[in-house]
N, C-alpha and C. Protein backbone atom coordinates (compact mmCIF):
# COMPACT_ATOMS: atom_id res chain seq x y z
N MET A 1 -13.34 16.29 18.42
CA MET A 1 -14.34 15.47 18.69
C MET A 1 -15.02 14.11 17.71
N VAL A 2 -14.68 14.70 16.42
CA VAL A 2 -14.96 13.74 15.27
C VAL A 2 -14.09 12.81 15.21
N ILE A 3 -12.92 13.17 15.58
CA ILE A 3 -11.70 12.04 15.21
C ILE A 3 -11.70 11.21 16.35
N VAL A 4 -12.14 11.47 17.34
CA VAL A 4 -12.44 10.67 18.86
C VAL A 4 -13.61 10.00 18.65
N ALA A 5 -14.66 10.08 18.05
CA ALA A 5 -15.72 9.57 18.20
C ALA A 5 -15.44 8.32 16.86
N ALA A 6 -15.02 8.68 15.77
CA ALA A 6 -14.72 7.83 14.73
C ALA A 6 -13.76 6.74 15.18
N PHE A 7 -12.46 7.27 15.87
CA PHE A 7 -11.74 6.45 16.32
C PHE A 7 -12.29 5.04 17.29
N ALA A 8 -13.26 5.61 18.28
CA ALA A 8 -14.32 4.62 18.88
C ALA A 8 -14.87 3.80 18.26
N LEU A 9 -15.68 4.12 17.14
CA LEU A 9 -16.37 3.31 16.35
C LEU A 9 -15.63 2.39 15.61
N TYR A 10 -14.49 2.83 15.35
CA TYR A 10 -13.49 1.93 14.64
C TYR A 10 -12.93 0.83 15.56
N THR A 11 -12.66 1.48 16.67
CA THR A 11 -12.04 0.39 17.66
C THR A 11 -13.03 -0.69 18.20
N ALA A 12 -14.34 -0.50 18.36
CA ALA A 12 -15.26 -1.28 18.42
C ALA A 12 -15.40 -2.10 17.33
N PHE A 13 -15.55 -1.75 16.12
CA PHE A 13 -15.91 -2.60 15.06
C PHE A 13 -14.29 -3.69 14.97
N LEU A 14 -13.24 -3.25 15.24
CA LEU A 14 -11.86 -3.90 15.44
C LEU A 14 -12.28 -5.27 16.57
N LEU A 15 -12.70 -4.83 17.70
CA LEU A 15 -13.01 -5.73 18.76
C LEU A 15 -14.19 -7.00 18.21
N LYS A 16 -15.15 -6.31 17.81
CA LYS A 16 -16.58 -7.01 17.02
C LYS A 16 -15.72 -8.29 16.09
N LEU A 17 -14.76 -7.46 15.18
CA LEU A 17 -14.23 -8.21 13.94
C LEU A 17 -13.46 -9.39 14.27
N LEU A 18 -12.51 -9.06 15.27
CA LEU A 18 -11.31 -9.98 15.71
C LEU A 18 -11.51 -10.57 16.94
N ILE A 19 -12.48 -10.39 17.87
CA ILE A 19 -12.60 -11.26 19.08
C ILE A 19 -14.06 -11.68 18.95
N PHE A 20 -15.19 -10.88 19.05
CA PHE A 20 -16.49 -11.29 19.07
C PHE A 20 -17.31 -11.60 18.00
N SER A 21 -16.68 -11.90 16.97
CA SER A 21 -17.51 -12.35 15.66
C SER A 21 -17.70 -13.83 15.82
N ARG A 22 -17.16 -14.48 16.43
CA ARG A 22 -17.14 -16.14 16.62
C ARG A 22 -17.51 -16.39 18.13
N ALA A 23 -18.10 -17.74 18.25
CA ALA A 23 -18.81 -18.15 19.39
C ALA A 23 -17.21 -18.80 20.06
N PRO A 24 -17.23 -18.71 21.40
CA PRO A 24 -15.82 -19.21 22.13
C PRO A 24 -15.70 -20.80 21.95
N GLY A 25 -14.68 -21.16 21.58
CA GLY A 25 -14.60 -22.48 21.37
C GLY A 25 -14.80 -23.01 19.99
N SER A 26 -14.96 -22.12 19.10
CA SER A 26 -15.53 -22.55 17.87
C SER A 26 -14.39 -22.75 16.84
N GLU A 27 -13.38 -22.34 17.13
CA GLU A 27 -12.30 -22.54 16.21
C GLU A 27 -10.91 -22.40 16.89
N ARG A 28 -10.16 -23.20 16.84
CA ARG A 28 -8.56 -22.98 17.22
C ARG A 28 -7.72 -23.60 16.47
N SER A 29 -6.90 -22.98 15.73
CA SER A 29 -5.79 -23.10 14.99
C SER A 29 -4.56 -22.10 14.88
N ILE A 30 -3.52 -22.50 15.25
CA ILE A 30 -2.27 -21.83 15.42
C ILE A 30 -1.33 -22.10 14.40
N ASN A 31 -0.82 -20.80 13.80
CA ASN A 31 0.38 -20.77 12.75
C ASN A 31 1.31 -20.01 13.14
N LEU A 32 2.42 -20.54 13.66
CA LEU A 32 3.62 -19.33 14.15
C LEU A 32 4.64 -19.47 13.05
N ILE A 33 4.37 -20.06 11.88
CA ILE A 33 5.46 -19.97 10.87
C ILE A 33 5.42 -18.86 9.82
N PRO A 34 6.13 -17.72 9.72
CA PRO A 34 5.99 -16.62 9.04
C PRO A 34 5.67 -17.09 7.27
N PHE A 35 4.60 -16.68 6.93
CA PHE A 35 4.10 -16.35 5.26
C PHE A 35 3.80 -17.81 5.03
N ALA A 36 3.38 -18.73 5.85
CA ALA A 36 3.18 -20.13 5.54
C ALA A 36 1.69 -20.00 5.07
N SER A 37 0.81 -19.21 5.80
CA SER A 37 -0.75 -19.06 5.06
C SER A 37 -0.67 -18.50 3.84
N ILE A 38 -0.02 -17.16 3.82
CA ILE A 38 0.29 -16.48 2.65
C ILE A 38 0.55 -17.28 1.29
N ALA A 39 1.60 -18.02 1.58
CA ALA A 39 2.21 -19.20 0.44
C ALA A 39 0.86 -20.03 0.27
N GLY A 40 0.49 -20.69 1.11
CA GLY A 40 -0.58 -21.27 0.70
C GLY A 40 -1.70 -20.85 -0.14
N TYR A 41 -2.18 -19.22 0.29
CA TYR A 41 -3.09 -18.75 -0.49
C TYR A 41 -2.63 -18.50 -1.85
N ALA A 42 -1.22 -18.32 -1.83
CA ALA A 42 -0.64 -17.98 -3.57
C ALA A 42 -0.84 -19.22 -4.02
N SER A 43 -0.60 -20.51 -3.49
CA SER A 43 -0.49 -21.72 -4.28
C SER A 43 -1.79 -22.42 -4.62
N GLY A 44 -3.08 -21.89 -4.14
CA GLY A 44 -4.35 -22.38 -4.24
C GLY A 44 -4.81 -22.05 -5.74
N HIS A 45 -5.15 -22.80 -6.21
CA HIS A 45 -5.78 -22.70 -7.88
C HIS A 45 -7.25 -22.49 -7.94
N SER A 46 -8.04 -22.82 -6.88
CA SER A 46 -9.41 -22.71 -7.23
C SER A 46 -10.11 -21.30 -7.01
N LEU A 47 -11.06 -21.23 -7.91
CA LEU A 47 -11.62 -19.71 -7.98
C LEU A 47 -12.02 -19.21 -6.34
N GLY A 48 -12.78 -20.22 -5.41
CA GLY A 48 -13.06 -19.90 -4.33
C GLY A 48 -12.13 -19.75 -3.51
N THR A 49 -10.97 -20.39 -3.42
CA THR A 49 -9.50 -20.20 -2.55
C THR A 49 -9.09 -18.94 -2.91
N GLY A 50 -9.27 -18.48 -4.16
CA GLY A 50 -8.60 -17.31 -4.78
C GLY A 50 -9.35 -16.05 -3.84
N ARG A 51 -10.69 -16.02 -4.02
CA ARG A 51 -11.54 -15.03 -3.33
C ARG A 51 -11.16 -14.99 -1.75
N VAL A 52 -11.23 -16.16 -1.14
CA VAL A 52 -10.76 -16.10 0.31
C VAL A 52 -9.59 -15.50 0.49
N ALA A 53 -8.44 -16.24 -0.18
CA ALA A 53 -7.07 -15.49 -0.16
C ALA A 53 -7.25 -13.85 -0.15
N PHE A 54 -7.64 -13.56 -1.17
CA PHE A 54 -7.68 -12.00 -1.60
C PHE A 54 -8.37 -11.31 -0.39
N ALA A 55 -9.57 -11.65 0.14
CA ALA A 55 -10.23 -11.16 0.99
C ALA A 55 -9.44 -11.30 2.65
N ASN A 56 -8.62 -12.23 2.70
CA ASN A 56 -7.78 -12.56 4.00
C ASN A 56 -6.57 -11.41 3.86
N VAL A 57 -6.03 -11.42 2.79
CA VAL A 57 -4.69 -10.74 2.64
C VAL A 57 -5.16 -9.36 2.40
N VAL A 58 -6.13 -8.78 1.93
CA VAL A 58 -6.26 -7.31 1.68
C VAL A 58 -6.93 -6.90 2.70
N GLY A 59 -7.89 -7.98 3.28
CA GLY A 59 -8.74 -7.27 4.44
C GLY A 59 -7.76 -7.39 5.93
N ASN A 60 -6.73 -8.09 5.75
CA ASN A 60 -5.93 -7.84 7.19
C ASN A 60 -5.23 -6.73 6.98
N ILE A 61 -4.66 -6.10 5.71
CA ILE A 61 -4.11 -4.86 5.40
C ILE A 61 -4.89 -3.67 5.64
N LEU A 62 -6.02 -3.92 5.17
CA LEU A 62 -6.99 -2.63 5.11
C LEU A 62 -7.65 -2.33 6.70
N ILE A 63 -7.85 -3.49 7.34
CA ILE A 63 -8.23 -3.24 8.75
C ILE A 63 -7.40 -2.35 9.84
N PHE A 64 -6.14 -2.56 9.49
CA PHE A 64 -5.15 -1.82 10.44
C PHE A 64 -4.65 -0.43 9.68
N THR A 65 -4.89 -0.32 8.31
CA THR A 65 -4.64 1.16 7.99
C THR A 65 -5.07 2.36 8.70
N PRO A 66 -6.55 2.30 9.15
CA PRO A 66 -6.70 3.40 9.88
C PRO A 66 -6.39 3.43 11.22
N LEU A 67 -5.65 2.33 11.90
CA LEU A 67 -5.02 2.47 12.85
C LEU A 67 -3.60 3.20 12.87
N GLY A 68 -2.85 2.70 11.67
CA GLY A 68 -1.71 3.58 11.46
C GLY A 68 -2.01 4.98 11.32
N ILE A 69 -2.82 5.19 10.60
CA ILE A 69 -3.29 6.81 10.40
C ILE A 69 -3.53 7.66 12.21
N TYR A 70 -4.51 6.86 12.84
CA TYR A 70 -4.87 7.36 14.21
C TYR A 70 -3.65 7.42 15.07
N ALA A 71 -2.72 6.22 15.10
CA ALA A 71 -1.81 6.14 15.76
C ALA A 71 -0.56 7.38 15.50
N SER A 72 -0.57 7.48 14.50
CA SER A 72 0.34 8.72 14.04
C SER A 72 -0.15 9.75 14.46
N TRP A 73 -1.34 10.38 14.27
CA TRP A 73 -1.93 11.39 14.57
C TRP A 73 -1.79 11.64 16.36
N LEU A 74 -1.68 10.64 16.75
CA LEU A 74 -1.97 10.76 18.53
C LEU A 74 -0.46 10.59 18.81
N ARG A 75 0.30 10.14 17.95
CA ARG A 75 1.79 10.10 18.57
C ARG A 75 2.54 10.90 17.63
N ARG A 76 2.38 11.96 17.28
CA ARG A 76 2.99 12.85 16.30
C ARG A 76 4.57 12.98 16.53
N ARG A 77 5.00 13.17 17.49
CA ARG A 77 6.48 13.48 18.38
C ARG A 77 7.08 11.64 18.63
N ALA A 78 6.35 10.81 18.46
CA ALA A 78 7.00 9.37 18.83
C ALA A 78 8.03 8.86 17.50
N ARG A 79 9.02 8.35 17.98
CA ARG A 79 9.59 7.71 16.63
C ARG A 79 8.89 6.67 16.08
N PRO A 80 9.05 6.46 14.63
CA PRO A 80 8.20 5.67 13.76
C PRO A 80 8.16 4.33 14.16
N TRP A 81 9.27 3.73 14.74
CA TRP A 81 9.17 2.20 15.04
C TRP A 81 8.32 2.40 16.51
N LEU A 82 8.18 3.24 17.21
CA LEU A 82 7.33 3.07 18.38
C LEU A 82 5.80 3.27 18.15
N THR A 83 5.44 4.08 17.00
CA THR A 83 4.27 4.04 16.58
C THR A 83 3.81 2.79 15.72
N LEU A 84 4.85 2.06 14.95
CA LEU A 84 4.45 0.65 14.50
C LEU A 84 4.24 -0.01 15.67
N LEU A 85 5.25 -0.14 16.59
CA LEU A 85 4.77 -1.17 17.92
C LEU A 85 3.55 -0.89 18.39
N ALA A 86 3.12 0.36 18.41
CA ALA A 86 1.77 0.61 19.00
C ALA A 86 0.60 0.38 18.20
N VAL A 87 1.00 0.14 16.66
CA VAL A 87 0.01 -0.60 15.68
C VAL A 87 -0.19 -1.93 15.86
N GLY A 88 1.38 -2.61 15.87
CA GLY A 88 1.29 -3.85 16.03
C GLY A 88 0.89 -4.77 17.19
N SER A 89 0.75 -4.07 18.37
CA SER A 89 0.78 -4.64 19.58
C SER A 89 -0.76 -5.00 19.85
N PRO A 90 -1.81 -4.26 19.13
CA PRO A 90 -3.51 -4.88 19.29
C PRO A 90 -3.55 -5.77 18.39
N SER A 91 -2.55 -6.11 17.24
CA SER A 91 -2.82 -7.30 16.42
C SER A 91 -2.14 -8.48 17.01
N VAL A 92 -1.00 -8.45 17.86
CA VAL A 92 -0.68 -9.39 18.43
C VAL A 92 -1.45 -9.78 19.86
N ALA A 93 -2.12 -8.79 20.45
CA ALA A 93 -3.08 -9.10 21.64
C ALA A 93 -4.38 -10.15 21.02
N ALA A 94 -4.63 -9.42 19.66
CA ALA A 94 -5.86 -10.13 19.21
C ALA A 94 -5.67 -11.59 18.80
N GLU A 95 -4.35 -11.98 18.14
CA GLU A 95 -4.22 -13.38 17.47
C GLU A 95 -3.97 -14.11 19.14
N ILE A 96 -3.60 -13.49 19.99
CA ILE A 96 -3.27 -14.46 21.42
C ILE A 96 -4.87 -14.78 21.92
N ILE A 97 -5.59 -13.74 22.09
CA ILE A 97 -6.98 -13.95 22.60
C ILE A 97 -7.85 -15.00 21.78
N GLN A 98 -7.32 -14.97 20.58
CA GLN A 98 -8.16 -15.90 19.64
C GLN A 98 -7.57 -17.16 19.95
N GLY A 99 -6.43 -17.19 20.11
CA GLY A 99 -5.67 -18.83 20.48
C GLY A 99 -6.37 -19.29 21.72
N VAL A 100 -6.27 -18.28 22.52
CA VAL A 100 -6.36 -18.71 24.15
C VAL A 100 -8.09 -19.30 24.04
N PHE A 101 -8.73 -18.57 23.63
CA PHE A 101 -10.08 -18.57 23.74
C PHE A 101 -10.79 -19.32 22.79
N ALA A 102 -10.04 -19.91 21.65
CA ALA A 102 -10.34 -20.55 20.43
C ALA A 102 -11.68 -19.92 19.83
N VAL A 103 -11.43 -18.54 19.53
CA VAL A 103 -12.23 -17.58 18.48
C VAL A 103 -11.83 -17.29 17.31
N GLY A 104 -10.81 -18.01 16.86
CA GLY A 104 -10.55 -17.85 15.35
C GLY A 104 -9.17 -18.50 15.28
N ALA A 105 -8.24 -18.21 14.08
CA ALA A 105 -7.29 -19.12 13.86
C ALA A 105 -6.11 -17.78 14.20
N SER A 106 -5.31 -18.11 15.20
CA SER A 106 -4.08 -17.41 15.47
C SER A 106 -3.22 -17.69 14.48
N ASP A 107 -2.81 -16.61 13.91
CA ASP A 107 -1.69 -16.59 12.58
C ASP A 107 -0.66 -15.52 12.53
N ILE A 108 0.57 -15.94 12.34
CA ILE A 108 1.45 -14.92 12.42
C ILE A 108 1.37 -13.87 11.03
N ASP A 109 0.91 -14.79 10.18
CA ASP A 109 0.61 -14.00 8.96
C ASP A 109 -0.25 -12.56 9.18
N ASP A 110 -1.21 -13.03 9.95
CA ASP A 110 -2.32 -11.84 10.14
C ASP A 110 -1.76 -11.03 10.95
N VAL A 111 -0.65 -10.98 11.75
CA VAL A 111 0.22 -9.79 12.28
C VAL A 111 0.82 -9.23 11.36
N ILE A 112 1.66 -9.96 10.55
CA ILE A 112 2.49 -9.47 9.71
C ILE A 112 1.64 -8.66 8.57
N LEU A 113 0.65 -9.01 7.91
CA LEU A 113 -0.27 -8.21 7.07
C LEU A 113 -1.04 -6.95 8.01
N ASN A 114 -1.39 -6.88 9.14
CA ASN A 114 -1.92 -5.86 10.03
C ASN A 114 -0.94 -4.94 10.20
N CYS A 115 0.42 -5.43 10.42
CA CYS A 115 1.42 -4.26 10.62
C CYS A 115 1.80 -3.47 9.44
N LEU A 116 1.71 -4.32 8.31
CA LEU A 116 1.85 -3.82 6.81
C LEU A 116 0.70 -2.81 6.75
N GLY A 117 -0.67 -3.06 7.07
CA GLY A 117 -1.61 -2.05 7.00
C GLY A 117 -1.16 -0.94 7.58
N GLY A 118 -1.14 -1.27 9.10
CA GLY A 118 -0.72 0.12 9.79
C GLY A 118 0.58 0.97 9.20
N LEU A 119 1.55 0.27 8.85
CA LEU A 119 2.54 0.87 8.18
C LEU A 119 2.11 1.90 7.04
N LEU A 120 1.24 1.32 6.15
CA LEU A 120 0.68 2.20 5.26
C LEU A 120 -0.14 3.20 5.62
N GLY A 121 -0.99 2.80 6.71
CA GLY A 121 -1.53 4.09 7.32
C GLY A 121 -0.88 5.20 8.10
N MET A 122 0.38 4.81 8.48
CA MET A 122 1.63 5.54 8.85
C MET A 122 2.03 6.63 7.88
N LEU A 123 2.29 5.69 6.63
CA LEU A 123 2.78 6.50 5.40
C LEU A 123 1.70 7.52 4.56
N ALA A 124 0.35 7.06 4.93
CA ALA A 124 -0.46 8.12 4.52
C ALA A 124 -0.52 9.25 5.10
N PHE A 125 -0.25 9.11 6.84
CA PHE A 125 -0.41 10.21 7.47
C PHE A 125 0.86 11.41 7.24
N TRP A 126 2.24 10.52 7.07
CA TRP A 126 3.10 11.21 6.89
C TRP A 126 3.13 12.38 5.64
N LEU A 127 2.61 11.50 4.53
CA LEU A 127 2.13 12.06 3.15
C LEU A 127 1.30 13.17 3.33
N LEU A 128 -0.03 12.97 3.99
CA LEU A 128 -0.81 14.01 4.17
C LEU A 128 -0.17 15.30 5.06
N SER A 129 0.72 14.88 6.09
CA SER A 129 1.00 15.91 6.72
C SER A 129 2.06 16.79 5.81
N ALA A 130 3.12 16.25 5.03
CA ALA A 130 3.86 16.66 4.22
C ALA A 130 3.15 17.64 3.09
N THR A 131 2.26 17.14 2.71
CA THR A 131 1.59 17.92 1.88
C THR A 131 0.69 18.90 2.27
N LEU A 132 0.30 19.04 3.28
CA LEU A 132 -0.78 19.98 4.17
C LEU A 132 0.16 21.01 4.90
N ARG A 133 1.20 20.44 5.75
CA ARG A 133 2.31 21.18 6.18
C ARG A 133 1.72 22.00 7.62
N GLU A 134 0.56 22.37 7.54
CA GLU A 134 0.15 22.97 8.87
C GLU A 134 -0.57 21.96 9.75
N ARG A 135 -0.05 21.91 11.03
CA ARG A 135 -1.08 21.10 11.99
C ARG A 135 -2.39 21.07 11.83
N SER A 136 -2.95 22.47 11.90
CA SER A 136 -4.57 22.86 11.66
C SER A 136 -5.00 21.96 10.61
N ARG A 137 -4.33 22.33 9.44
CA ARG A 137 -4.63 21.71 7.91
C ARG A 137 -5.01 20.04 8.12
N VAL A 138 -3.85 19.44 8.85
CA VAL A 138 -3.96 17.85 9.03
C VAL A 138 -4.87 17.64 9.89
N ARG A 139 -5.01 18.22 10.81
CA ARG A 139 -6.25 18.06 12.05
C ARG A 139 -7.49 17.91 11.11
N THR A 140 -7.91 18.95 10.23
CA THR A 140 -9.02 19.14 9.68
C THR A 140 -9.24 18.10 8.62
N ALA A 141 -8.11 17.64 8.06
CA ALA A 141 -7.98 16.64 6.95
C ALA A 141 -8.67 15.22 7.77
N ILE A 142 -7.91 14.94 8.69
CA ILE A 142 -8.30 13.78 9.46
C ILE A 142 -9.83 13.78 10.20
N ALA A 143 -10.10 14.90 10.52
CA ALA A 143 -11.42 15.07 11.26
C ALA A 143 -12.44 14.46 9.99
N ALA A 144 -11.94 15.40 8.59
CA ALA A 144 -12.95 15.07 7.58
C ALA A 144 -13.07 13.50 7.07
N LEU A 145 -11.78 12.94 6.96
CA LEU A 145 -11.67 11.62 6.84
C LEU A 145 -12.49 10.75 7.81
N SER A 146 -12.15 11.13 9.14
CA SER A 146 -13.28 10.44 10.35
C SER A 146 -14.36 10.51 9.98
N LEU A 147 -14.98 11.74 9.84
CA LEU A 147 -16.53 11.72 9.55
C LEU A 147 -17.06 11.17 8.30
N LEU A 148 -16.07 11.11 7.29
CA LEU A 148 -16.74 10.02 6.33
C LEU A 148 -16.60 8.42 6.43
N SER A 149 -15.76 8.37 7.37
CA SER A 149 -15.62 6.83 7.79
C SER A 149 -16.93 6.48 8.94
N VAL A 150 -17.16 7.42 9.52
CA VAL A 150 -18.21 7.05 10.42
C VAL A 150 -19.40 5.90 10.01
N PRO A 151 -19.95 6.62 8.90
CA PRO A 151 -21.31 5.48 8.33
C PRO A 151 -20.57 3.97 8.00
N VAL A 152 -19.69 3.91 7.50
CA VAL A 152 -18.90 2.77 7.36
C VAL A 152 -18.78 1.90 8.57
N TRP A 153 -18.17 2.43 9.46
CA TRP A 153 -17.92 1.81 10.78
C TRP A 153 -18.89 1.65 11.16
N CYS A 154 -20.46 2.12 11.36
CA CYS A 154 -21.54 2.04 11.93
C CYS A 154 -22.02 0.90 11.04
N TYR A 155 -22.15 1.00 9.86
CA TYR A 155 -22.45 -0.17 8.92
C TYR A 155 -21.98 -1.48 9.46
N PHE A 156 -20.73 -1.61 9.57
CA PHE A 156 -20.23 -2.74 9.89
C PHE A 156 -20.26 -3.35 11.42
N LEU A 157 -20.34 -2.29 12.38
CA LEU A 157 -20.60 -2.67 13.72
C LEU A 157 -22.16 -2.70 13.99
N PHE A 158 -23.21 -2.32 13.37
CA PHE A 158 -24.38 -2.48 13.81
C PHE A 158 -25.24 -3.15 12.86
N ILE A 159 -24.97 -3.03 11.47
CA ILE A 159 -25.91 -3.71 10.54
C ILE A 159 -25.53 -4.95 10.13
N ILE A 160 -24.28 -5.24 9.68
CA ILE A 160 -23.56 -6.41 9.31
C ILE A 160 -23.52 -7.26 10.47
N ARG A 161 -23.92 -8.59 10.25
CA ARG A 161 -23.60 -9.53 11.18
C ARG A 161 -22.19 -10.34 10.86
N LEU A 162 -21.19 -10.38 11.33
CA LEU A 162 -19.76 -11.14 10.95
C LEU A 162 -19.84 -12.28 11.72
N HIS A 163 -19.95 -13.28 10.79
CA HIS A 163 -19.57 -14.66 11.14
C HIS A 163 -18.41 -15.28 10.36
N MET A 164 -17.38 -15.61 10.71
CA MET A 164 -16.22 -16.06 10.16
C MET A 164 -16.26 -17.35 10.03
């Protein structure tokens, strides 16, 4: 039950962050050239640009890492590429919604970084599974990590106002 509750809070946080943190029509930009934004961040030399770049790149990776863990837990018997597809699909959907409704910048680099984060989450789950070996121990570890994450998701979901 703890895993499901934490996953629900995490999902609500993702929806708030990716879709509902901006007013409709507030921003519309579309980048379909892979690594263009990342290259732009890498070539920026000002301190402010560096912080924004770091927050964007690392943030896009980190916000999808839990999804990789949860998807691996829920899809234990699925082939890894199908689990990665399940992790990447919400990212693609969010970018399409952002572009259609002008509620953010649609960027293929975000999808790439989100999938990288999901892959890291999948690898973390596989490492945890290999270390703990027993399914019940893995479930207990995921439940404990989920319980620890609940205050974080509540903070981001209910306390902090996300304006990008």
